[in-house]
Full PDB file with SEQRES, HELIX, SHEET, SSBOND, CRYST1, ORIGX, SCALE, CONECT and MASTER records, all heavy atoms in Angstrom:
SEQRES   1 A   40  THR GLU LEU ILE VAL GLY VAL GLU ASP ASN ALA ILE SER          
SEQRES   2 A   40  LEU ALA ASN GLY CYS VAL CYS CYS GLN ILE ARG ASP ASP          
SEQRES   3 A   40  LEU VAL GLN THR VAL ASN GLU VAL ILE ASN ARG PRO GLU          
SEQRES   4 A   40  ASN                                                          
HELIX    1 AA1 LEU A   27  ILE A   35  1                                   9    
SHEET    1 AA1 3 ILE A   4  VAL A   7  0                                        
SHEET    2 AA1 3 ALA A  11  LEU A  14 -1                                        
SHEET    3 AA1 3 VAL A  19  CYS A  21 -1                                        
CRYST1    1.000    1.000    1.000  90.00  90.00  90.00 P 1           1          
ORIGX1      1.000000  0.000000  0.000000        0.00000                         
ORIGX2      0.000000  1.000000  0.000000        0.00000                         
ORIGX3      0.000000  0.000000  1.000000        0.00000                         
SCALE1      1.000000  0.000000  0.000000        0.00000                         
SCALE2      0.000000  1.000000  0.000000        0.00000                         
SCALE3      0.000000  0.000000  1.000000        0.00000                         
ATOM      1  N   THR A   1     -66.814   1.270  77.988  1.00  0.00           N  
ATOM      2  CA  THR A   1     -67.745   0.379  77.275  1.00  0.00           C  
ATOM      3  C   THR A   1     -67.309  -1.103  77.403  1.00  0.00           C  
ATOM      4  O   THR A   1     -68.147  -1.987  77.310  1.00  0.00           O  
ATOM      5  CB  THR A   1     -67.844   0.735  75.818  1.00  0.00           C  
ATOM      6  OG1 THR A   1     -66.510   0.740  75.221  1.00  0.00           O  
ATOM      7  CG2 THR A   1     -68.439   2.127  75.637  1.00  0.00           C  
ATOM      8  N   GLU A   2     -66.042  -1.333  77.649  1.00  0.00           N  
ATOM      9  CA  GLU A   2     -65.566  -2.748  77.760  1.00  0.00           C  
ATOM     10  C   GLU A   2     -66.088  -3.357  79.056  1.00  0.00           C  
ATOM     11  O   GLU A   2     -66.069  -4.592  79.197  1.00  0.00           O  
ATOM     12  CB  GLU A   2     -64.058  -2.820  77.704  1.00  0.00           C  
ATOM     13  CG  GLU A   2     -63.484  -2.416  76.370  1.00  0.00           C  
ATOM     14  CD  GLU A   2     -61.964  -2.504  76.309  1.00  0.00           C  
ATOM     15  OE1 GLU A   2     -61.381  -2.895  77.345  1.00  0.00           O  
ATOM     16  OE2 GLU A   2     -61.405  -2.260  75.223  1.00  0.00           O  
ATOM     17  N   LEU A   3     -66.527  -2.515  80.002  1.00  0.00           N  
ATOM     18  CA  LEU A   3     -67.015  -3.036  81.296  1.00  0.00           C  
ATOM     19  C   LEU A   3     -68.481  -3.400  81.211  1.00  0.00           C  
ATOM     20  O   LEU A   3     -68.987  -4.192  82.027  1.00  0.00           O  
ATOM     21  CB  LEU A   3     -66.854  -1.980  82.412  1.00  0.00           C  
ATOM     22  CG  LEU A   3     -65.557  -1.943  83.174  1.00  0.00           C  
ATOM     23  CD1 LEU A   3     -65.617  -0.750  84.182  1.00  0.00           C  
ATOM     24  CD2 LEU A   3     -65.303  -3.215  83.888  1.00  0.00           C  
ATOM     25  N   ILE A   4     -69.235  -2.844  80.220  1.00  0.00           N  
ATOM     26  CA  ILE A   4     -70.678  -3.054  80.132  1.00  0.00           C  
ATOM     27  C   ILE A   4     -70.976  -4.484  79.638  1.00  0.00           C  
ATOM     28  O   ILE A   4     -70.565  -4.798  78.526  1.00  0.00           O  
ATOM     29  CB  ILE A   4     -71.328  -1.996  79.263  1.00  0.00           C  
ATOM     30  CG1 ILE A   4     -71.105  -0.581  79.869  1.00  0.00           C  
ATOM     31  CG2 ILE A   4     -72.827  -2.281  79.119  1.00  0.00           C  
ATOM     32  CD1 ILE A   4     -71.626   0.516  78.983  1.00  0.00           C  
ATOM     33  N   VAL A   5     -71.741  -5.259  80.379  1.00  0.00           N  
ATOM     34  CA  VAL A   5     -72.076  -6.578  79.996  1.00  0.00           C  
ATOM     35  C   VAL A   5     -73.582  -6.750  79.781  1.00  0.00           C  
ATOM     36  O   VAL A   5     -74.024  -7.756  79.263  1.00  0.00           O  
ATOM     37  CB  VAL A   5     -71.578  -7.632  81.032  1.00  0.00           C  
ATOM     38  CG1 VAL A   5     -70.114  -7.639  81.133  1.00  0.00           C  
ATOM     39  CG2 VAL A   5     -72.269  -7.366  82.380  1.00  0.00           C  
ATOM     40  N   GLY A   6     -74.331  -5.756  80.129  1.00  0.00           N  
ATOM     41  CA  GLY A   6     -75.790  -5.860  79.935  1.00  0.00           C  
ATOM     42  C   GLY A   6     -76.479  -4.518  80.189  1.00  0.00           C  
ATOM     43  O   GLY A   6     -76.059  -3.771  81.044  1.00  0.00           O  
ATOM     44  N   VAL A   7     -77.532  -4.209  79.417  1.00  0.00           N  
ATOM     45  CA  VAL A   7     -78.296  -2.997  79.588  1.00  0.00           C  
ATOM     46  C   VAL A   7     -79.761  -3.330  79.671  1.00  0.00           C  
ATOM     47  O   VAL A   7     -80.293  -4.026  78.769  1.00  0.00           O  
ATOM     48  CB  VAL A   7     -78.013  -2.005  78.435  1.00  0.00           C  
ATOM     49  CG1 VAL A   7     -78.851  -0.738  78.616  1.00  0.00           C  
ATOM     50  CG2 VAL A   7     -76.526  -1.635  78.310  1.00  0.00           C  
ATOM     51  N   GLU A   8     -80.437  -2.913  80.736  1.00  0.00           N  
ATOM     52  CA  GLU A   8     -81.855  -3.077  80.864  1.00  0.00           C  
ATOM     53  C   GLU A   8     -82.522  -1.698  80.815  1.00  0.00           C  
ATOM     54  O   GLU A   8     -81.876  -0.732  80.470  1.00  0.00           O  
ATOM     55  CB  GLU A   8     -82.141  -3.814  82.199  1.00  0.00           C  
ATOM     56  CG  GLU A   8     -81.493  -5.177  82.338  1.00  0.00           C  
ATOM     57  CD  GLU A   8     -81.637  -5.796  83.713  1.00  0.00           C  
ATOM     58  OE1 GLU A   8     -82.467  -5.255  84.485  1.00  0.00           O  
ATOM     59  OE2 GLU A   8     -80.969  -6.800  83.993  1.00  0.00           O  
ATOM     60  N   ASP A   9     -83.809  -1.690  81.141  1.00  0.00           N  
ATOM     61  CA  ASP A   9     -84.551  -0.433  81.019  1.00  0.00           C  
ATOM     62  C   ASP A   9     -83.895   0.706  81.773  1.00  0.00           C  
ATOM     63  O   ASP A   9     -83.738   1.809  81.268  1.00  0.00           O  
ATOM     64  CB  ASP A   9     -85.980  -0.613  81.504  1.00  0.00           C  
ATOM     65  CG  ASP A   9     -86.799  -1.494  80.549  1.00  0.00           C  
ATOM     66  OD1 ASP A   9     -86.386  -1.653  79.386  1.00  0.00           O  
ATOM     67  OD2 ASP A   9     -87.826  -2.037  80.970  1.00  0.00           O  
ATOM     68  N   ASN A  10     -83.528   0.440  83.027  1.00  0.00           N  
ATOM     69  CA  ASN A  10     -82.958   1.516  83.807  1.00  0.00           C  
ATOM     70  C   ASN A  10     -81.754   1.070  84.609  1.00  0.00           C  
ATOM     71  O   ASN A  10     -81.425   1.571  85.671  1.00  0.00           O  
ATOM     72  CB  ASN A  10     -84.016   2.064  84.816  1.00  0.00           C  
ATOM     73  CG  ASN A  10     -84.289   1.105  85.945  1.00  0.00           C  
ATOM     74  OD1 ASN A  10     -84.340  -0.120  85.733  1.00  0.00           O  
ATOM     75  ND2 ASN A  10     -84.487   1.589  87.157  1.00  0.00           N  
ATOM     76  N   ALA A  11     -81.047   0.096  83.994  1.00  0.00           N  
ATOM     77  CA  ALA A  11     -79.844  -0.430  84.697  1.00  0.00           C  
ATOM     78  C   ALA A  11     -78.756  -0.860  83.693  1.00  0.00           C  
ATOM     79  O   ALA A  11     -79.068  -1.380  82.649  1.00  0.00           O  
ATOM     80  CB  ALA A  11     -80.214  -1.647  85.581  1.00  0.00           C  
ATOM     81  N   ILE A  12     -77.534  -0.589  84.082  1.00  0.00           N  
ATOM     82  CA  ILE A  12     -76.372  -1.018  83.303  1.00  0.00           C  
ATOM     83  C   ILE A  12     -75.569  -1.988  84.179  1.00  0.00           C  
ATOM     84  O   ILE A  12     -75.116  -1.615  85.276  1.00  0.00           O  
ATOM     85  CB  ILE A  12     -75.463   0.160  82.915  1.00  0.00           C  
ATOM     86  CG1 ILE A  12     -76.287   1.109  82.000  1.00  0.00           C  
ATOM     87  CG2 ILE A  12     -74.223  -0.326  82.145  1.00  0.00           C  
ATOM     88  CD1 ILE A  12     -75.461   2.411  81.695  1.00  0.00           C  
ATOM     89  N   SER A  13     -75.408  -3.215  83.774  1.00  0.00           N  
ATOM     90  CA  SER A  13     -74.647  -4.225  84.493  1.00  0.00           C  
ATOM     91  C   SER A  13     -73.207  -4.187  84.007  1.00  0.00           C  
ATOM     92  O   SER A  13     -72.959  -4.182  82.800  1.00  0.00           O  
ATOM     93  CB  SER A  13     -75.254  -5.609  84.317  1.00  0.00           C  
ATOM     94  OG  SER A  13     -76.539  -5.639  84.839  1.00  0.00           O  
ATOM     95  N   LEU A  14     -72.228  -4.272  84.956  1.00  0.00           N  
ATOM     96  CA  LEU A  14     -70.836  -4.142  84.599  1.00  0.00           C  
ATOM     97  C   LEU A  14     -70.071  -5.421  84.943  1.00  0.00           C  
ATOM     98  O   LEU A  14     -70.479  -6.208  85.823  1.00  0.00           O  
ATOM     99  CB  LEU A  14     -70.214  -2.988  85.369  1.00  0.00           C  
ATOM    100  CG  LEU A  14     -70.915  -1.642  85.215  1.00  0.00           C  
ATOM    101  CD1 LEU A  14     -70.237  -0.550  86.053  1.00  0.00           C  
ATOM    102  CD2 LEU A  14     -71.006  -1.177  83.780  1.00  0.00           C  
ATOM    103  N   ALA A  15     -68.987  -5.611  84.230  1.00  0.00           N  
ATOM    104  CA  ALA A  15     -68.205  -6.860  84.383  1.00  0.00           C  
ATOM    105  C   ALA A  15     -67.556  -6.981  85.763  1.00  0.00           C  
ATOM    106  O   ALA A  15     -67.233  -8.057  86.196  1.00  0.00           O  
ATOM    107  CB  ALA A  15     -67.162  -6.934  83.275  1.00  0.00           C  
ATOM    108  N   ASN A  16     -67.353  -5.807  86.433  1.00  0.00           N  
ATOM    109  CA  ASN A  16     -66.711  -5.860  87.770  1.00  0.00           C  
ATOM    110  C   ASN A  16     -67.704  -6.121  88.909  1.00  0.00           C  
ATOM    111  O   ASN A  16     -67.339  -6.000  90.050  1.00  0.00           O  
ATOM    112  CB  ASN A  16     -65.919  -4.590  88.038  1.00  0.00           C  
ATOM    113  CG  ASN A  16     -66.824  -3.329  88.047  1.00  0.00           C  
ATOM    114  OD1 ASN A  16     -68.048  -3.456  87.897  1.00  0.00           O  
ATOM    115  ND2 ASN A  16     -66.260  -2.187  88.265  1.00  0.00           N  
ATOM    116  N   GLY A  17     -68.931  -6.438  88.540  1.00  0.00           N  
ATOM    117  CA  GLY A  17     -69.919  -6.762  89.602  1.00  0.00           C  
ATOM    118  C   GLY A  17     -70.823  -5.614  89.961  1.00  0.00           C  
ATOM    119  O   GLY A  17     -71.793  -5.767  90.703  1.00  0.00           O  
ATOM    120  N   CYS A  18     -70.512  -4.414  89.476  1.00  0.00           N  
ATOM    121  CA  CYS A  18     -71.343  -3.224  89.785  1.00  0.00           C  
ATOM    122  C   CYS A  18     -72.593  -3.224  88.897  1.00  0.00           C  
ATOM    123  O   CYS A  18     -72.659  -3.812  87.841  1.00  0.00           O  
ATOM    124  CB  CYS A  18     -70.553  -1.955  89.534  1.00  0.00           C  
ATOM    125  SG  CYS A  18     -69.185  -1.655  90.700  1.00  0.00           S  
ATOM    126  N   VAL A  19     -73.590  -2.484  89.376  1.00  0.00           N  
ATOM    127  CA  VAL A  19     -74.758  -2.207  88.555  1.00  0.00           C  
ATOM    128  C   VAL A  19     -75.095  -0.745  88.766  1.00  0.00           C  
ATOM    129  O   VAL A  19     -75.093  -0.256  89.930  1.00  0.00           O  
ATOM    130  CB  VAL A  19     -75.929  -3.121  88.927  1.00  0.00           C  
ATOM    131  CG1 VAL A  19     -76.322  -2.983  90.400  1.00  0.00           C  
ATOM    132  CG2 VAL A  19     -77.157  -2.820  88.041  1.00  0.00           C  
ATOM    133  N   CYS A  20     -75.318  -0.048  87.673  1.00  0.00           N  
ATOM    134  CA  CYS A  20     -75.650   1.402  87.777  1.00  0.00           C  
ATOM    135  C   CYS A  20     -77.132   1.540  87.373  1.00  0.00           C  
ATOM    136  O   CYS A  20     -77.530   1.167  86.272  1.00  0.00           O  
ATOM    137  CB  CYS A  20     -74.776   2.195  86.805  1.00  0.00           C  
ATOM    138  SG  CYS A  20     -75.039   3.987  86.873  1.00  0.00           S  
ATOM    139  N   CYS A  21     -77.925   2.021  88.301  1.00  0.00           N  
ATOM    140  CA  CYS A  21     -79.372   2.117  88.087  1.00  0.00           C  
ATOM    141  C   CYS A  21     -79.827   3.584  88.094  1.00  0.00           C  
ATOM    142  O   CYS A  21     -79.406   4.376  88.931  1.00  0.00           O  
ATOM    143  CB  CYS A  21     -80.111   1.371  89.182  1.00  0.00           C  
ATOM    144  SG  CYS A  21     -79.778  -0.416  89.153  1.00  0.00           S  
ATOM    145  N   GLN A  22     -80.685   3.920  87.133  1.00  0.00           N  
ATOM    146  CA  GLN A  22     -81.256   5.257  87.121  1.00  0.00           C  
ATOM    147  C   GLN A  22     -82.448   5.351  88.033  1.00  0.00           C  
ATOM    148  O   GLN A  22     -83.299   4.435  88.063  1.00  0.00           O  
ATOM    149  CB  GLN A  22     -81.677   5.629  85.680  1.00  0.00           C  
ATOM    150  CG  GLN A  22     -82.082   7.084  85.554  1.00  0.00           C  
ATOM    151  CD  GLN A  22     -82.135   7.493  84.085  1.00  0.00           C  
ATOM    152  OE1 GLN A  22     -82.104   6.653  83.180  1.00  0.00           O  
ATOM    153  NE2 GLN A  22     -82.224   8.790  83.813  1.00  0.00           N  
ATOM    154  N   ILE A  23     -82.485   6.364  88.844  1.00  0.00           N  
ATOM    155  CA  ILE A  23     -83.545   6.530  89.855  1.00  0.00           C  
ATOM    156  C   ILE A  23     -84.823   6.919  89.138  1.00  0.00           C  
ATOM    157  O   ILE A  23     -84.863   7.911  88.440  1.00  0.00           O  
ATOM    158  CB  ILE A  23     -83.149   7.597  90.902  1.00  0.00           C  
ATOM    159  CG1 ILE A  23     -81.889   7.145  91.647  1.00  0.00           C  
ATOM    160  CG2 ILE A  23     -84.276   7.766  91.899  1.00  0.00           C  
ATOM    161  CD1 ILE A  23     -81.354   8.184  92.611  1.00  0.00           C  
ATOM    162  N   ARG A  24     -85.887   6.164  89.378  1.00  0.00           N  
ATOM    163  CA  ARG A  24     -87.171   6.508  88.868  1.00  0.00           C  
ATOM    164  C   ARG A  24     -87.827   7.524  89.776  1.00  0.00           C  
ATOM    165  O   ARG A  24     -87.300   7.944  90.772  1.00  0.00           O  
ATOM    166  CB  ARG A  24     -88.046   5.266  88.722  1.00  0.00           C  
ATOM    167  CG  ARG A  24     -87.496   4.255  87.717  1.00  0.00           C  
ATOM    168  CD  ARG A  24     -88.383   3.054  87.573  1.00  0.00           C  
ATOM    169  NE  ARG A  24     -87.967   2.182  86.511  1.00  0.00           N  
ATOM    170  CZ  ARG A  24     -88.567   1.047  86.173  1.00  0.00           C  
ATOM    171  NH1 ARG A  24     -89.607   0.644  86.848  1.00  0.00           N  
ATOM    172  NH2 ARG A  24     -88.109   0.317  85.188  1.00  0.00           N  
ATOM    173  N   ASP A  25     -89.065   7.917  89.446  1.00  0.00           N  
ATOM    174  CA  ASP A  25     -89.777   8.873  90.280  1.00  0.00           C  
ATOM    175  C   ASP A  25     -89.976   8.331  91.683  1.00  0.00           C  
ATOM    176  O   ASP A  25     -89.961   9.060  92.654  1.00  0.00           O  
ATOM    177  CB  ASP A  25     -91.149   9.187  89.621  1.00  0.00           C  
ATOM    178  CG  ASP A  25     -90.998   9.975  88.321  1.00  0.00           C  
ATOM    179  OD1 ASP A  25     -89.964  10.616  88.158  1.00  0.00           O  
ATOM    180  OD2 ASP A  25     -91.948   9.923  87.504  1.00  0.00           O  
ATOM    181  N   ASP A  26     -90.151   7.051  91.820  1.00  0.00           N  
ATOM    182  CA  ASP A  26     -90.366   6.395  93.062  1.00  0.00           C  
ATOM    183  C   ASP A  26     -89.062   5.765  93.548  1.00  0.00           C  
ATOM    184  O   ASP A  26     -88.662   4.700  93.084  1.00  0.00           O  
ATOM    185  CB  ASP A  26     -91.486   5.360  93.006  1.00  0.00           C  
ATOM    186  CG  ASP A  26     -91.857   4.785  94.349  1.00  0.00           C  
ATOM    187  OD1 ASP A  26     -91.139   5.077  95.343  1.00  0.00           O  
ATOM    188  OD2 ASP A  26     -92.838   4.028  94.406  1.00  0.00           O  
ATOM    189  N   LEU A  27     -88.377   6.392  94.485  1.00  0.00           N  
ATOM    190  CA  LEU A  27     -87.105   5.886  94.984  1.00  0.00           C  
ATOM    191  C   LEU A  27     -87.278   4.521  95.618  1.00  0.00           C  
ATOM    192  O   LEU A  27     -86.422   3.658  95.471  1.00  0.00           O  
ATOM    193  CB  LEU A  27     -86.512   6.893  95.971  1.00  0.00           C  
ATOM    194  CG  LEU A  27     -85.156   6.480  96.636  1.00  0.00           C  
ATOM    195  CD1 LEU A  27     -84.065   6.201  95.538  1.00  0.00           C  
ATOM    196  CD2 LEU A  27     -84.685   7.558  97.587  1.00  0.00           C  
ATOM    197  N   VAL A  28     -88.396   4.353  96.382  1.00  0.00           N  
ATOM    198  CA  VAL A  28     -88.618   3.049  97.026  1.00  0.00           C  
ATOM    199  C   VAL A  28     -88.677   1.929  95.995  1.00  0.00           C  
ATOM    200  O   VAL A  28     -88.147   0.843  96.224  1.00  0.00           O  
ATOM    201  CB  VAL A  28     -89.887   3.143  97.861  1.00  0.00           C  
ATOM    202  CG1 VAL A  28     -90.266   1.769  98.423  1.00  0.00           C  
ATOM    203  CG2 VAL A  28     -89.763   4.125  98.987  1.00  0.00           C  
ATOM    204  N   GLN A  29     -89.340   2.175  94.868  1.00  0.00           N  
ATOM    205  CA  GLN A  29     -89.472   1.174  93.822  1.00  0.00           C  
ATOM    206  C   GLN A  29     -88.081   0.799  93.287  1.00  0.00           C  
ATOM    207  O   GLN A  29     -87.742  -0.398  93.086  1.00  0.00           O  
ATOM    208  CB  GLN A  29     -90.367   1.652  92.685  1.00  0.00           C  
ATOM    209  CG  GLN A  29     -90.458   0.688  91.521  1.00  0.00           C  
ATOM    210  CD  GLN A  29     -91.244   1.221  90.361  1.00  0.00           C  
ATOM    211  OE1 GLN A  29     -91.935   2.244  90.469  1.00  0.00           O  
ATOM    212  NE2 GLN A  29     -91.180   0.554  89.191  1.00  0.00           N  
ATOM    213  N   THR A  30     -87.267   1.816  93.043  1.00  0.00           N  
ATOM    214  CA  THR A  30     -85.901   1.590  92.523  1.00  0.00           C  
ATOM    215  C   THR A  30     -85.101   0.765  93.496  1.00  0.00           C  
ATOM    216  O   THR A  30     -84.389  -0.194  93.092  1.00  0.00           O  
ATOM    217  CB  THR A  30     -85.188   2.898  92.263  1.00  0.00           C  
ATOM    218  OG1 THR A  30     -85.961   3.705  91.343  1.00  0.00           O  
ATOM    219  CG2 THR A  30     -83.805   2.705  91.643  1.00  0.00           C  
ATOM    220  N   VAL A  31     -85.146   1.113  94.762  1.00  0.00           N  
ATOM    221  CA  VAL A  31     -84.382   0.369  95.759  1.00  0.00           C  
ATOM    222  C   VAL A  31     -84.876  -1.092  95.853  1.00  0.00           C  
ATOM    223  O   VAL A  31     -84.036  -2.035  95.888  1.00  0.00           O  
ATOM    224  CB  VAL A  31     -84.520   1.022  97.169  1.00  0.00           C  
ATOM    225  CG1 VAL A  31     -83.881   0.177  98.232  1.00  0.00           C  
ATOM    226  CG2 VAL A  31     -83.857   2.406  97.156  1.00  0.00           C  
ATOM    227  N   ASN A  32     -86.156  -1.300  95.807  1.00  0.00           N  
ATOM    228  CA  ASN A  32     -86.682  -2.679  95.796  1.00  0.00           C  
ATOM    229  C   ASN A  32     -86.205  -3.457  94.626  1.00  0.00           C  
ATOM    230  O   ASN A  32     -85.857  -4.633  94.749  1.00  0.00           O  
ATOM    231  CB  ASN A  32     -88.224  -2.622  95.821  1.00  0.00           C  
ATOM    232  CG  ASN A  32     -88.819  -2.621  97.232  1.00  0.00           C  
ATOM    233  OD1 ASN A  32     -88.336  -3.327  98.129  1.00  0.00           O  
ATOM    234  ND2 ASN A  32     -89.801  -1.776  97.425  1.00  0.00           N  
ATOM    235  N   GLU A  33     -86.160  -2.851  93.448  1.00  0.00           N  
ATOM    236  CA  GLU A  33     -85.685  -3.542  92.269  1.00  0.00           C  
ATOM    237  C   GLU A  33     -84.234  -3.925  92.420  1.00  0.00           C  
ATOM    238  O   GLU A  33     -83.833  -5.012  91.991  1.00  0.00           O  
ATOM    239  CB  GLU A  33     -85.868  -2.626  91.007  1.00  0.00           C  
ATOM    240  CG  GLU A  33     -87.312  -2.464  90.608  1.00  0.00           C  
ATOM    241  CD  GLU A  33     -87.477  -1.462  89.479  1.00  0.00           C  
ATOM    242  OE1 GLU A  33     -86.446  -0.874  89.054  1.00  0.00           O  
ATOM    243  OE2 GLU A  33     -88.634  -1.273  88.968  1.00  0.00           O  
ATOM    244  N   VAL A  34     -83.452  -3.065  93.016  1.00  0.00           N  
ATOM    245  CA  VAL A  34     -81.994  -3.321  93.130  1.00  0.00           C  
ATOM    246  C   VAL A  34     -81.738  -4.455  94.133  1.00  0.00           C  
ATOM    247  O   VAL A  34     -80.975  -5.410  93.805  1.00  0.00           O  
ATOM    248  CB  VAL A  34     -81.269  -2.060  93.631  1.00  0.00           C  
ATOM    249  CG1 VAL A  34     -79.845  -2.384  94.056  1.00  0.00           C  
ATOM    250  CG2 VAL A  34     -81.225  -1.028  92.504  1.00  0.00           C  
ATOM    251  N   ILE A  35     -82.375  -4.444  95.278  1.00  0.00           N  
ATOM    252  CA  ILE A  35     -82.095  -5.474  96.280  1.00  0.00           C  
ATOM    253  C   ILE A  35     -82.776  -6.812  95.934  1.00  0.00           C  
ATOM    254  O   ILE A  35     -82.413  -7.843  96.501  1.00  0.00           O  
ATOM    255  CB  ILE A  35     -82.542  -5.016  97.690  1.00  0.00           C  
ATOM    256  CG1 ILE A  35     -84.024  -4.739  97.754  1.00  0.00           C  
ATOM    257  CG2 ILE A  35     -81.717  -3.839  98.148  1.00  0.00           C  
ATOM    258  CD1 ILE A  35     -84.501  -4.287  99.114  1.00  0.00           C  
ATOM    259  N   ASN A  36     -83.653  -6.793  94.908  1.00  0.00           N  
ATOM    260  CA  ASN A  36     -84.298  -8.042  94.488  1.00  0.00           C  
ATOM    261  C   ASN A  36     -83.625  -8.651  93.256  1.00  0.00           C  
ATOM    262  O   ASN A  36     -84.122  -9.651  92.661  1.00  0.00           O  
ATOM    263  CB  ASN A  36     -85.789  -7.839  94.218  1.00  0.00           C  
ATOM    264  CG  ASN A  36     -86.602  -7.645  95.474  1.00  0.00           C  
ATOM    265  OD1 ASN A  36     -86.295  -8.230  96.507  1.00  0.00           O  
ATOM    266  ND2 ASN A  36     -87.610  -6.824  95.422  1.00  0.00           N  
ATOM    267  N   ARG A  37     -82.523  -8.052  92.801  1.00  0.00           N  
ATOM    268  CA  ARG A  37     -81.834  -8.575  91.635  1.00  0.00           C  
ATOM    269  C   ARG A  37     -81.245  -9.948  91.993  1.00  0.00           C  
ATOM    270  O   ARG A  37     -80.952 -10.241  93.133  1.00  0.00           O  
ATOM    271  CB  ARG A  37     -80.661  -7.629  91.224  1.00  0.00           C  
ATOM    272  CG  ARG A  37     -81.168  -6.293  90.663  1.00  0.00           C  
ATOM    273  CD  ARG A  37     -79.962  -5.382  90.319  1.00  0.00           C  
ATOM    274  NE  ARG A  37     -79.129  -5.948  89.316  1.00  0.00           N  
ATOM    275  CZ  ARG A  37     -79.345  -5.738  87.972  1.00  0.00           C  
ATOM    276  NH1 ARG A  37     -80.329  -4.967  87.578  1.00  0.00           N  
ATOM    277  NH2 ARG A  37     -78.513  -6.289  87.119  1.00  0.00           N  
ATOM    278  N   PRO A  38     -81.066 -10.817  90.947  1.00  0.00           N  
ATOM    279  CA  PRO A  38     -80.555 -12.175  91.219  1.00  0.00           C  
ATOM    280  C   PRO A  38     -79.249 -12.172  92.001  1.00  0.00           C  
ATOM    281  O   PRO A  38     -79.036 -12.948  92.902  1.00  0.00           O  
ATOM    282  CB  PRO A  38     -80.374 -12.749  89.801  1.00  0.00           C  
ATOM    283  CG  PRO A  38     -81.375 -11.999  88.972  1.00  0.00           C  
ATOM    284  CD  PRO A  38     -81.422 -10.641  89.556  1.00  0.00           C  
ATOM    285  N   GLU A  39     -78.322 -11.281  91.612  1.00  0.00           N  
ATOM    286  CA  GLU A  39     -77.090 -11.105  92.360  1.00  0.00           C  
ATOM    287  C   GLU A  39     -77.253  -9.813  93.214  1.00  0.00           C  
ATOM    288  O   GLU A  39     -76.924  -8.712  92.745  1.00  0.00           O  
ATOM    289  CB  GLU A  39     -75.862 -11.004  91.451  1.00  0.00           C  
ATOM    290  CG  GLU A  39     -75.542 -12.305  90.723  1.00  0.00           C  
ATOM    291  CD  GLU A  39     -74.218 -12.202  89.982  1.00  0.00           C  
ATOM    292  OE1 GLU A  39     -73.602 -11.126  89.996  1.00  0.00           O  
ATOM    293  OE2 GLU A  39     -73.771 -13.234  89.399  1.00  0.00           O  
ATOM    294  N   ASN A  40     -77.761 -10.009  94.389  1.00  0.00           N  
ATOM    295  CA  ASN A  40     -78.064  -8.848  95.236  1.00  0.00           C  
ATOM    296  C   ASN A  40     -76.761  -8.095  95.599  1.00  0.00           C  
ATOM    297  O   ASN A  40     -75.729  -8.713  95.793  1.00  0.00           O  
ATOM    298  CB  ASN A  40     -78.813  -9.251  96.507  1.00  0.00           C  
ATOM    299  CG  ASN A  40     -78.027 -10.192  97.351  1.00  0.00           C  
ATOM    300  OD1 ASN A  40     -77.548 -11.220  96.855  1.00  0.00           O  
ATOM    301  ND2 ASN A  40     -77.856  -9.893  98.612  1.00  0.00           N  
TER     302      ASN A  40                                                      
MASTER        0    0    0    1    3    0    0    6  301    1    0    4          
END                                                                             
């Protein structure tokens, strides 16, 4: 929990630069959301 710096609808942002995203029904949509994040 000390690593978690932010929680969105389907993503957890971590202090070490990682982001953990839950896969939605549409994998293409999830991938697009990930690569379009401010810190790609």
